[in-house]
Amino acid sequence: MNREKIDWKRVRAVCIVKTMAKAGHFPCKENTKEAWFRSPFRPETHASFKVSKVKNLWFDHGAGFGGNVLDLVVRFYDCRILDALHFLSDIPSSFSFHPQHFVPPENTSLIVKSVNSIWHYGLKTYLNERNVKLETAKKYCKEVHYSCKGNHYFGIGLQNDSGGWELRNQYFKSSSSPKDSTFLSNGCSQLVVTEGMFDFLTVTNFCHDNKSFLILNSLSFIKKAMPFIEFFKDVELYLDNDTAGKDATNWLMQNHKYCKDKSYLYKDFKDINEMYIARKDKTKYSDENPSE
């Protein structure tokens, strides 16, 4: 790639809040000038990671370092500048550098230590908070213990088709190399496509075993996943109700006529899991206030 042809000013202008969202991190609180996140670099209970929307810069107060959006991606994925550019180019309203088959930078510093059935109380509590049944999670996921830069962590793990793991716990989300989508064939003629692990686990509440599933794990894998999608003549799309999810849904429907957008089912929420969490909270509130 010719570095001289890259508009570095435009690269550094890519919205950090959108970049954090693409990496799976969302603000705990925000206003028109700033947004606060839990640090993507370590577990924490209070948000110490600040993003200035005015200057489009970030600073991790708990660690004492910060920078621009390129610095963020390079540090987060421990990757090359070229890999960071690939990652940023997939963000809506970004600069025009679009490889045909983008593969997200791999987190080579994350090492899986053990994989077992889910038993840890903290993970069971987390599943309950996400309104996912333990028996459902145990059927498709594992409890994965891993190390990253000398620290030990554990989380709910869903294995992808290349042997890597999508990892989630109450405080952060991550993944091990290699990164890929997850295809679960139940020998059915219908396919459900979801963006992430918890969307998939939520959809199984009403789909059960009568459909096959494709968990993208990243919208960047849409083109790579098309051979799986094109095999089916009944495809339901449960992607996020954000700009990236809507764009991906429209692209899939334009390129495969058998795709159907199911996001209307959770039109007032970011994704289907968020809707199920809201249902759980509403039921809990009703039980605690029977007179209302």
C-alpha atoms as a PDB file:
ATOM      1  CA  MET A   1       0.000   0.000   0.000  1.00  0.00           C
ATOM      2  CA  ASN A   2       1.255   3.474  -0.843  1.00  0.00           C
ATOM      3  CA  ARG A   3       1.321   5.462   2.403  1.00  0.00           C
ATOM      4  CA  GLU A   4       1.419   8.771   0.480  1.00  0.00           C
ATOM      5  CA  LYS A   5      -2.071   8.130  -0.871  1.00  0.00           C
ATOM      6  CA  ILE A   6      -3.593   7.808   2.595  1.00  0.00           C
ATOM      7  CA  ASP A   7      -5.247  10.903   4.008  1.00  0.00           C
ATOM      8  CA  TRP A   8      -3.955  10.546   7.566  1.00  0.00           C
ATOM      9  CA  LYS A   9      -6.001  13.522   8.722  1.00  0.00           C
ATOM     10  CA  ARG A  10      -9.189  11.731   7.673  1.00  0.00           C
ATOM     11  CA  VAL A  11      -7.998   8.512   9.294  1.00  0.00           C
ATOM     12  CA  ARG A  12      -7.481  10.255  12.635  1.00  0.00           C
ATOM     13  CA  ALA A  13     -10.913  11.877  12.265  1.00  0.00           C
ATOM     14  CA  VAL A  14     -12.708   8.501  12.349  1.00  0.00           C
ATOM     15  CA  CYS A  15     -15.136   8.636  15.273  1.00  0.00           C
ATOM     16  CA  ILE A  16     -13.679   6.925  18.341  1.00  0.00           C
ATOM     17  CA  VAL A  17     -17.129   6.201  19.809  1.00  0.00           C
ATOM     18  CA  LYS A  18     -18.073   4.305  16.618  1.00  0.00           C
ATOM     19  CA  THR A  19     -14.702   2.547  16.679  1.00  0.00           C
ATOM     20  CA  MET A  20     -15.307   1.431  20.258  1.00  0.00           C
ATOM     21  CA  ALA A  21     -18.755   0.155  19.237  1.00  0.00           C
ATOM     22  CA  LYS A  22     -17.274  -1.859  16.371  1.00  0.00           C
ATOM     23  CA  ALA A  23     -14.872  -3.450  18.861  1.00  0.00           C
ATOM     24  CA  GLY A  24     -17.828  -4.266  21.113  1.00  0.00           C
ATOM     25  CA  HIS A  25     -17.563  -1.510  23.745  1.00  0.00           C
ATOM     26  CA  PHE A  26     -20.337   0.970  24.532  1.00  0.00           C
ATOM     27  CA  PRO A  27     -20.514   4.041  26.802  1.00  0.00           C
ATOM     28  CA  CYS A  28     -21.580   3.752  30.418  1.00  0.00           C
ATOM     29  CA  LYS A  29     -22.473   7.437  30.272  1.00  0.00           C
ATOM     30  CA  GLU A  30     -22.171  10.191  27.698  1.00  0.00           C
ATOM     31  CA  ASN A  31     -23.209  13.681  26.722  1.00  0.00           C
ATOM     32  CA  THR A  32     -22.621  15.926  23.710  1.00  0.00           C
ATOM     33  CA  LYS A  33     -18.972  16.543  24.652  1.00  0.00           C
ATOM     34  CA  GLU A  34     -17.675  13.241  26.025  1.00  0.00           C
ATOM     35  CA  ALA A  35     -18.306   9.542  26.558  1.00  0.00           C
ATOM     36  CA  TRP A  36     -17.092   7.286  29.363  1.00  0.00           C
ATOM     37  CA  PHE A  37     -16.398   3.579  28.909  1.00  0.00           C
ATOM     38  CA  ARG A  38     -15.075   0.746  31.005  1.00  0.00           C
ATOM     39  CA  SER A  39     -11.512   0.299  29.859  1.00  0.00           C
ATOM     40  CA  PRO A  40     -11.131  -2.128  26.936  1.00  0.00           C
ATOM     41  CA  PHE A  41      -7.644  -2.986  28.202  1.00  0.00           C
ATOM     42  CA  ARG A  42      -8.552  -4.547  31.559  1.00  0.00           C
ATOM     43  CA  PRO A  43     -11.557  -5.510  33.705  1.00  0.00           C
ATOM     44  CA  GLU A  44     -13.007  -2.685  35.794  1.00  0.00           C
ATOM     45  CA  THR A  45     -16.301  -1.885  37.493  1.00  0.00           C
ATOM     46  CA  HIS A  46     -16.193   1.899  37.067  1.00  0.00           C
ATOM     47  CA  ALA A  47     -15.720   3.680  33.769  1.00  0.00           C
ATOM     48  CA  SER A  48     -12.290   5.349  33.628  1.00  0.00           C
ATOM     49  CA  PHE A  49     -11.866   5.428  29.851  1.00  0.00           C
ATOM     50  CA  LYS A  50     -12.804   8.870  28.525  1.00  0.00           C
ATOM     51  CA  VAL A  51     -13.454   9.857  24.914  1.00  0.00           C
ATOM     52  CA  SER A  52     -13.554  13.545  24.015  1.00  0.00           C
ATOM     53  CA  LYS A  53     -16.117  13.926  21.250  1.00  0.00           C
ATOM     54  CA  VAL A  54     -14.914  17.465  20.613  1.00  0.00           C
ATOM     55  CA  LYS A  55     -11.248  16.558  20.058  1.00  0.00           C
ATOM     56  CA  ASN A  56     -11.874  12.914  19.038  1.00  0.00           C
ATOM     57  CA  LEU A  57      -9.206  11.737  21.469  1.00  0.00           C
ATOM     58  CA  TRP A  58      -9.269   9.108  24.218  1.00  0.00           C
ATOM     59  CA  PHE A  59      -7.558   8.752  27.582  1.00  0.00           C
ATOM     60  CA  ASP A  60      -7.506   5.789  29.957  1.00  0.00           C
ATOM     61  CA  HIS A  61      -7.346   7.406  33.400  1.00  0.00           C
ATOM     62  CA  GLY A  62      -6.809   4.062  35.110  1.00  0.00           C
ATOM     63  CA  ALA A  63      -3.724   3.301  33.022  1.00  0.00           C
ATOM     64  CA  GLY A  64      -2.465   6.812  32.348  1.00  0.00           C
ATOM     65  CA  PHE A  65      -2.230   6.740  28.550  1.00  0.00           C
ATOM     66  CA  GLY A  66      -4.314   7.802  25.562  1.00  0.00           C
ATOM     67  CA  GLY A  67      -4.177   9.017  21.974  1.00  0.00           C
ATOM     68  CA  ASN A  68      -6.082   9.173  18.702  1.00  0.00           C
ATOM     69  CA  VAL A  69      -8.224   6.523  17.042  1.00  0.00           C
ATOM     70  CA  LEU A  70      -5.283   4.875  15.270  1.00  0.00           C
ATOM     71  CA  ASP A  71      -3.376   4.623  18.547  1.00  0.00           C
ATOM     72  CA  LEU A  72      -6.448   2.980  20.079  1.00  0.00           C
ATOM     73  CA  VAL A  73      -6.798   0.232  17.472  1.00  0.00           C
ATOM     74  CA  VAL A  74      -3.064  -0.530  17.364  1.00  0.00           C
ATOM     75  CA  ARG A  75      -2.901  -0.833  21.158  1.00  0.00           C
ATOM     76  CA  PHE A  76      -6.168  -2.738  21.539  1.00  0.00           C
ATOM     77  CA  TYR A  77      -5.388  -5.389  18.913  1.00  0.00           C
ATOM     78  CA  ASP A  78      -1.594  -5.232  19.290  1.00  0.00           C
ATOM     79  CA  CYS A  79      -1.460  -5.019  15.498  1.00  0.00           C
ATOM     80  CA  ARG A  80       0.326  -3.248  12.640  1.00  0.00           C
ATOM     81  CA  ILE A  81      -0.739   0.142  11.259  1.00  0.00           C
ATOM     82  CA  LEU A  82      -1.950  -1.612   8.089  1.00  0.00           C
ATOM     83  CA  ASP A  83      -4.212  -3.911  10.110  1.00  0.00           C
ATOM     84  CA  ALA A  84      -5.563  -0.913  12.021  1.00  0.00           C
ATOM     85  CA  LEU A  85      -6.390   0.834   8.733  1.00  0.00           C
ATOM     86  CA  HIS A  86      -8.298  -2.245   7.581  1.00  0.00           C
ATOM     87  CA  PHE A  87     -10.273  -2.210  10.837  1.00  0.00           C
ATOM     88  CA  LEU A  88     -11.106   1.485  10.618  1.00  0.00           C
ATOM     89  CA  SER A  89     -12.040   1.356   6.937  1.00  0.00           C
ATOM     90  CA  ASP A  90     -15.107  -0.760   7.758  1.00  0.00           C
ATOM     91  CA  ILE A  91     -16.675   1.938   9.947  1.00  0.00           C
ATOM     92  CA  PRO A  92     -19.522   3.942   8.304  1.00  0.00           C
ATOM     93  CA  SER A  93     -18.593   7.471   7.156  1.00  0.00           C
ATOM     94  CA  SER A  94     -14.935   6.528   7.314  1.00  0.00           C
ATOM     95  CA  PHE A  95     -12.146   7.090   4.798  1.00  0.00           C
ATOM     96  CA  SER A  96     -12.111   5.138   1.519  1.00  0.00           C
ATOM     97  CA  PHE A  97      -9.751   2.221   1.966  1.00  0.00           C
ATOM     98  CA  HIS A  98     -11.779  -0.938   1.357  1.00  0.00           C
ATOM     99  CA  PRO A  99     -10.092  -4.303   0.869  1.00  0.00           C
ATOM    100  CA  GLN A 100     -12.282  -6.973  -0.701  1.00  0.00           C
ATOM    101  CA  HIS A 101     -11.979  -9.461   2.144  1.00  0.00           C
ATOM    102  CA  PHE A 102     -11.166  -7.767   5.428  1.00  0.00           C
ATOM    103  CA  VAL A 103     -10.161 -10.004   8.341  1.00  0.00           C
ATOM    104  CA  PRO A 104     -10.078  -8.257  11.741  1.00  0.00           C
ATOM    105  CA  PRO A 105      -6.658  -7.961  13.388  1.00  0.00           C
ATOM    106  CA  GLU A 106      -5.920 -10.973  15.567  1.00  0.00           C
ATOM    107  CA  ASN A 107      -5.333 -10.691  19.284  1.00  0.00           C
ATOM    108  CA  THR A 108      -2.168 -12.793  19.395  1.00  0.00           C
ATOM    109  CA  SER A 109      -1.489 -11.819  23.012  1.00  0.00           C
ATOM    110  CA  LEU A 110      -4.563 -13.754  24.220  1.00  0.00           C
ATOM    111  CA  ILE A 111      -3.763 -17.390  25.091  1.00  0.00           C
ATOM    112  CA  VAL A 112      -6.496 -19.935  25.923  1.00  0.00           C
ATOM    113  CA  LYS A 113      -5.552 -21.996  28.974  1.00  0.00           C
ATOM    114  CA  SER A 114      -8.561 -24.267  29.543  1.00  0.00           C
ATOM    115  CA  VAL A 115     -12.024 -25.013  28.166  1.00  0.00           C
ATOM    116  CA  ASN A 116     -14.691 -26.596  30.373  1.00  0.00           C
ATOM    117  CA  SER A 117     -18.412 -26.759  30.959  1.00  0.00           C
ATOM    118  CA  ILE A 118     -19.880 -23.573  32.432  1.00  0.00           C
ATOM    119  CA  TRP A 119     -19.858 -23.789  36.244  1.00  0.00           C
ATOM    120  CA  HIS A 120     -18.535 -20.504  37.682  1.00  0.00           C
ATOM    121  CA  TYR A 121     -21.155 -18.646  39.712  1.00  0.00           C
ATOM    122  CA  GLY A 122     -20.162 -15.278  38.230  1.00  0.00           C
ATOM    123  CA  LEU A 123     -20.754 -16.517  34.681  1.00  0.00           C
ATOM    124  CA  LYS A 124     -24.085 -18.058  35.636  1.00  0.00           C
ATOM    125  CA  THR A 125     -25.107 -14.735  37.141  1.00  0.00           C
ATOM    126  CA  TYR A 126     -24.006 -12.962  33.962  1.00  0.00           C
ATOM    127  CA  LEU A 127     -26.112 -15.299  31.819  1.00  0.00           C
ATOM    128  CA  ASN A 128     -29.099 -14.610  34.044  1.00  0.00           C
ATOM    129  CA  GLU A 129     -28.543 -10.847  33.653  1.00  0.00           C
ATOM    130  CA  ARG A 130     -28.541 -11.305  29.878  1.00  0.00           C
ATOM    131  CA  ASN A 131     -31.749 -13.389  30.175  1.00  0.00           C
ATOM    132  CA  VAL A 132     -30.113 -16.478  28.661  1.00  0.00           C
ATOM    133  CA  LYS A 133     -30.958 -19.910  30.035  1.00  0.00           C
ATOM    134  CA  LEU A 134     -28.013 -21.805  31.511  1.00  0.00           C
ATOM    135  CA  GLU A 135     -28.964 -25.011  29.713  1.00  0.00           C
ATOM    136  CA  THR A 136     -28.964 -23.143  26.391  1.00  0.00           C
ATOM    137  CA  ALA A 137     -25.543 -21.615  27.048  1.00  0.00           C
ATOM    138  CA  LYS A 138     -24.122 -24.982  28.124  1.00  0.00           C
ATOM    139  CA  LYS A 139     -25.350 -26.555  24.898  1.00  0.00           C
ATOM    140  CA  TYR A 140     -23.435 -24.170  22.642  1.00  0.00           C
ATOM    141  CA  CYS A 141     -20.809 -22.457  24.801  1.00  0.00           C
ATOM    142  CA  LYS A 142     -17.995 -23.213  27.229  1.00  0.00           C
ATOM    143  CA  GLU A 143     -16.280 -21.632  30.197  1.00  0.00           C
ATOM    144  CA  VAL A 144     -12.945 -20.501  28.813  1.00  0.00           C
ATOM    145  CA  HIS A 145      -9.984 -19.464  30.963  1.00  0.00           C
ATOM    146  CA  TYR A 146      -7.271 -17.481  29.239  1.00  0.00           C
ATOM    147  CA  SER A 147      -4.368 -15.129  29.800  1.00  0.00           C
ATOM    148  CA  CYS A 148      -3.684 -11.793  28.142  1.00  0.00           C
ATOM    149  CA  LYS A 149      -0.477  -9.842  28.682  1.00  0.00           C
ATOM    150  CA  GLY A 150       0.267 -11.724  31.882  1.00  0.00           C
ATOM    151  CA  ASN A 151      -3.208 -11.457  33.431  1.00  0.00           C
ATOM    152  CA  HIS A 152      -5.700 -14.303  33.902  1.00  0.00           C
ATOM    153  CA  TYR A 153      -9.351 -14.003  32.826  1.00  0.00           C
ATOM    154  CA  PHE A 154     -12.348 -16.233  32.176  1.00  0.00           C
ATOM    155  CA  GLY A 155     -15.587 -15.882  30.277  1.00  0.00           C
ATOM    156  CA  ILE A 156     -18.395 -17.461  28.261  1.00  0.00           C
ATOM    157  CA  GLY A 157     -16.848 -18.785  25.051  1.00  0.00           C
ATOM    158  CA  LEU A 158     -18.378 -19.594  21.661  1.00  0.00           C
ATOM    159  CA  GLN A 159     -15.974 -21.293  19.286  1.00  0.00           C
ATOM    160  CA  ASN A 160     -15.771 -20.109  15.689  1.00  0.00           C
ATOM    161  CA  ASP A 161     -15.201 -22.166  12.547  1.00  0.00           C
ATOM    162  CA  SER A 162     -11.430 -21.587  12.618  1.00  0.00           C
ATOM    163  CA  GLY A 163     -10.985 -22.734  16.212  1.00  0.00           C
ATOM    164  CA  GLY A 164     -10.864 -19.296  17.850  1.00  0.00           C
ATOM    165  CA  TRP A 165     -13.160 -18.201  20.643  1.00  0.00           C
ATOM    166  CA  GLU A 166     -15.572 -15.305  21.117  1.00  0.00           C
ATOM    167  CA  LEU A 167     -15.266 -14.444  24.817  1.00  0.00           C
ATOM    168  CA  ARG A 168     -17.701 -12.541  27.032  1.00  0.00           C
ATOM    169  CA  ASN A 169     -18.101 -11.783  30.701  1.00  0.00           C
ATOM    170  CA  GLN A 170     -19.811  -9.089  32.729  1.00  0.00           C
ATOM    171  CA  TYR A 171     -17.074  -6.521  32.230  1.00  0.00           C
ATOM    172  CA  PHE A 172     -15.697  -6.878  28.724  1.00  0.00           C
ATOM    173  CA  LYS A 173     -15.682  -8.824  25.473  1.00  0.00           C
ATOM    174  CA  SER A 174     -12.740 -10.230  23.568  1.00  0.00           C
ATOM    175  CA  SER A 175     -11.766 -12.994  21.172  1.00  0.00           C
ATOM    176  CA  SER A 176      -8.881 -15.348  20.571  1.00  0.00           C
ATOM    177  CA  SER A 177      -7.121 -15.951  17.291  1.00  0.00           C
ATOM    178  CA  PRO A 178      -8.016 -16.883  14.659  1.00  0.00           C
ATOM    179  CA  LYS A 179     -11.100 -14.707  14.254  1.00  0.00           C
ATOM    180  CA  ASP A 180     -13.982 -16.120  12.182  1.00  0.00           C
ATOM    181  CA  SER A 181     -17.747 -16.632  12.032  1.00  0.00           C
ATOM    182  CA  THR A 182     -19.551 -19.636  13.554  1.00  0.00           C
ATOM    183  CA  PHE A 183     -21.814 -21.858  11.475  1.00  0.00           C
ATOM    184  CA  LEU A 184     -24.080 -24.337  13.284  1.00  0.00           C
ATOM    185  CA  SER A 185     -25.925 -26.662  10.941  1.00  0.00           C
ATOM    186  CA  ASN A 186     -28.880 -28.546  12.349  1.00  0.00           C
ATOM    187  CA  GLY A 187     -29.658 -30.143   9.002  1.00  0.00           C
ATOM    188  CA  CYS A 188     -32.463 -27.632   8.485  1.00  0.00           C
ATOM    189  CA  SER A 189     -33.520 -25.693   5.414  1.00  0.00           C
ATOM    190  CA  GLN A 190     -33.914 -22.420   7.340  1.00  0.00           C
ATOM    191  CA  LEU A 191     -30.994 -20.240   8.408  1.00  0.00           C
ATOM    192  CA  VAL A 192     -30.841 -17.611  11.152  1.00  0.00           C
ATOM    193  CA  VAL A 193     -28.070 -15.004  10.904  1.00  0.00           C
ATOM    194  CA  THR A 194     -27.078 -13.064  14.010  1.00  0.00           C
ATOM    195  CA  GLU A 195     -24.349 -10.545  14.656  1.00  0.00           C
ATOM    196  CA  GLY A 196     -23.077 -11.889  17.967  1.00  0.00           C
ATOM    197  CA  MET A 197     -23.124 -14.648  20.532  1.00  0.00           C
ATOM    198  CA  PHE A 198     -25.871 -13.316  22.782  1.00  0.00           C
ATOM    199  CA  ASP A 199     -28.142 -12.476  19.850  1.00  0.00           C
ATOM    200  CA  PHE A 200     -27.824 -16.123  18.823  1.00  0.00           C
ATOM    201  CA  LEU A 201     -28.459 -17.461  22.333  1.00  0.00           C
ATOM    202  CA  THR A 202     -31.517 -15.201  22.588  1.00  0.00           C
ATOM    203  CA  VAL A 203     -32.993 -16.310  19.274  1.00  0.00           C
ATOM    204  CA  THR A 204     -32.787 -19.940  20.426  1.00  0.00           C
ATOM    205  CA  ASN A 205     -35.500 -19.044  22.953  1.00  0.00           C
ATOM    206  CA  PHE A 206     -38.030 -19.411  20.153  1.00  0.00           C
ATOM    207  CA  CYS A 207     -36.133 -21.138  17.321  1.00  0.00           C
ATOM    208  CA  HIS A 208     -34.811 -24.131  19.252  1.00  0.00           C
ATOM    209  CA  ASP A 209     -33.365 -26.878  17.005  1.00  0.00           C
ATOM    210  CA  ASN A 210     -35.513 -26.398  13.925  1.00  0.00           C
ATOM    211  CA  LYS A 211     -33.114 -23.969  12.211  1.00  0.00           C
ATOM    212  CA  SER A 212     -29.456 -23.650  11.327  1.00  0.00           C
ATOM    213  CA  PHE A 213     -27.465 -20.696  12.634  1.00  0.00           C
ATOM    214  CA  LEU A 214     -24.727 -18.408  11.390  1.00  0.00           C
ATOM    215  CA  ILE A 215     -23.150 -16.163  14.032  1.00  0.00           C
ATOM    216  CA  LEU A 216     -21.047 -13.605  12.183  1.00  0.00           C
ATOM    217  CA  ASN A 217     -18.994 -12.535  15.243  1.00  0.00           C
ATOM    218  CA  SER A 218     -18.123  -9.459  13.161  1.00  0.00           C
ATOM    219  CA  LEU A 219     -19.949  -7.750  10.322  1.00  0.00           C
ATOM    220  CA  SER A 220     -16.634  -7.873   8.475  1.00  0.00           C
ATOM    221  CA  PHE A 221     -17.269 -11.560   7.736  1.00  0.00           C
ATOM    222  CA  ILE A 222     -20.446 -11.011   5.709  1.00  0.00           C
ATOM    223  CA  LYS A 223     -18.824 -11.460   2.298  1.00  0.00           C
ATOM    224  CA  LYS A 224     -16.833 -14.463   3.460  1.00  0.00           C
ATOM    225  CA  ALA A 225     -20.025 -16.011   4.869  1.00  0.00           C
ATOM    226  CA  MET A 226     -22.070 -15.586   1.678  1.00  0.00           C
ATOM    227  CA  PRO A 227     -21.494 -19.199   0.487  1.00  0.00           C
ATOM    228  CA  PHE A 228     -23.230 -20.396   3.666  1.00  0.00           C
ATOM    229  CA  ILE A 229     -26.048 -17.874   3.295  1.00  0.00           C
ATOM    230  CA  GLU A 230     -26.628 -18.506  -0.420  1.00  0.00           C
ATOM    231  CA  PHE A 231     -27.097 -22.225   0.276  1.00  0.00           C
ATOM    232  CA  PHE A 232     -30.399 -21.459   2.027  1.00  0.00           C
ATOM    233  CA  LYS A 233     -33.660 -20.252   0.521  1.00  0.00           C
ATOM    234  CA  ASP A 234     -35.105 -19.135   3.838  1.00  0.00           C
ATOM    235  CA  VAL A 235     -32.798 -16.750   5.720  1.00  0.00           C
ATOM    236  CA  GLU A 236     -33.810 -14.662   8.744  1.00  0.00           C
ATOM    237  CA  LEU A 237     -31.591 -11.709   9.667  1.00  0.00           C
ATOM    238  CA  TYR A 238     -31.382 -10.635  13.321  1.00  0.00           C
ATOM    239  CA  LEU A 239     -28.732  -7.926  13.029  1.00  0.00           C
ATOM    240  CA  ASP A 240     -28.350  -4.847  15.230  1.00  0.00           C
ATOM    241  CA  ASN A 241     -30.564  -1.785  14.941  1.00  0.00           C
ATOM    242  CA  ASP A 242     -27.644   0.566  14.404  1.00  0.00           C
ATOM    243  CA  THR A 243     -26.153   2.071  11.255  1.00  0.00           C
ATOM    244  CA  ALA A 244     -23.713  -0.774  10.683  1.00  0.00           C
ATOM    245  CA  GLY A 245     -26.352  -3.438  11.296  1.00  0.00           C
ATOM    246  CA  LYS A 246     -28.882  -1.767   9.025  1.00  0.00           C
ATOM    247  CA  ASP A 247     -26.310  -1.358   6.260  1.00  0.00           C
ATOM    248  CA  ALA A 248     -25.353  -5.025   6.560  1.00  0.00           C
ATOM    249  CA  THR A 249     -28.994  -6.109   6.488  1.00  0.00           C
ATOM    250  CA  ASN A 250     -29.689  -4.063   3.362  1.00  0.00           C
ATOM    251  CA  TRP A 251     -26.569  -5.417   1.653  1.00  0.00           C
ATOM    252  CA  LEU A 252     -27.565  -9.016   2.377  1.00  0.00           C
ATOM    253  CA  MET A 253     -31.121  -8.487   1.156  1.00  0.00           C
ATOM    254  CA  GLN A 254     -29.828  -6.901  -2.048  1.00  0.00           C
ATOM    255  CA  ASN A 255     -27.422  -9.783  -2.684  1.00  0.00           C
ATOM    256  CA  HIS A 256     -29.626 -12.717  -1.689  1.00  0.00           C
ATOM    257  CA  LYS A 257     -33.331 -12.461  -2.397  1.00  0.00           C
ATOM    258  CA  TYR A 258     -34.266 -15.043   0.239  1.00  0.00           C
ATOM    259  CA  CYS A 259     -33.048 -12.895   3.143  1.00  0.00           C
ATOM    260  CA  LYS A 260     -35.702 -11.425   5.450  1.00  0.00           C
ATOM    261  CA  ASP A 261     -35.135  -8.628   7.933  1.00  0.00           C
ATOM    262  CA  LYS A 262     -36.467  -9.587  11.380  1.00  0.00           C
ATOM    263  CA  SER A 263     -35.210  -6.518  13.231  1.00  0.00           C
ATOM    264  CA  TYR A 264     -38.756  -5.114  13.360  1.00  0.00           C
ATOM    265  CA  LEU A 265     -39.333  -7.567  16.219  1.00  0.00           C
ATOM    266  CA  TYR A 266     -37.016  -5.471  18.409  1.00  0.00           C
ATOM    267  CA  LYS A 267     -37.362  -2.115  16.641  1.00  0.00           C
ATOM    268  CA  ASP A 268     -37.148  -0.111  19.885  1.00  0.00           C
ATOM    269  CA  PHE A 269     -33.921  -1.765  21.000  1.00  0.00           C
ATOM    270  CA  LYS A 270     -30.346  -2.010  19.809  1.00  0.00           C
ATOM    271  CA  ASP A 271     -30.561  -5.793  19.394  1.00  0.00           C
ATOM    272  CA  ILE A 272     -32.784  -8.714  20.286  1.00  0.00           C
ATOM    273  CA  ASN A 273     -30.893  -9.553  23.475  1.00  0.00           C
ATOM    274  CA  GLU A 274     -31.407  -6.014  24.755  1.00  0.00           C
ATOM    275  CA  MET A 275     -35.137  -6.500  24.211  1.00  0.00           C
ATOM    276  CA  TYR A 276     -35.122  -9.766  26.165  1.00  0.00           C
ATOM    277  CA  ILE A 277     -33.209  -8.111  29.016  1.00  0.00           C
ATOM    278  CA  ALA A 278     -35.850  -5.378  29.102  1.00  0.00           C
ATOM    279  CA  ARG A 279     -38.597  -8.002  29.223  1.00  0.00           C
ATOM    280  CA  LYS A 280     -36.855  -9.699  32.147  1.00  0.00           C
ATOM    281  CA  ASP A 281     -36.483  -6.414  34.019  1.00  0.00           C
ATOM    282  CA  LYS A 282     -40.119  -5.508  33.372  1.00  0.00           C
ATOM    283  CA  THR A 283     -41.299  -8.896  34.661  1.00  0.00           C
ATOM    284  CA  LYS A 284     -39.115  -8.545  37.743  1.00  0.00           C
ATOM    285  CA  TYR A 285     -40.506  -5.046  38.398  1.00  0.00           C
ATOM    286  CA  SER A 286     -44.093  -6.322  38.013  1.00  0.00           C
ATOM    287  CA  ASP A 287     -43.425  -9.169  40.450  1.00  0.00           C
ATOM    288  CA  GLU A 288     -41.994  -6.714  42.997  1.00  0.00           C
ATOM    289  CA  ASN A 289     -44.937  -4.307  42.497  1.00  0.00           C
ATOM    290  CA  PRO A 290     -48.024  -6.550  42.086  1.00  0.00           C
ATOM    291  CA  SER A 291     -50.438  -3.716  42.787  1.00  0.00           C
ATOM    292  CA  GLU A 292     -49.338  -1.753  39.695  1.00  0.00           C
END
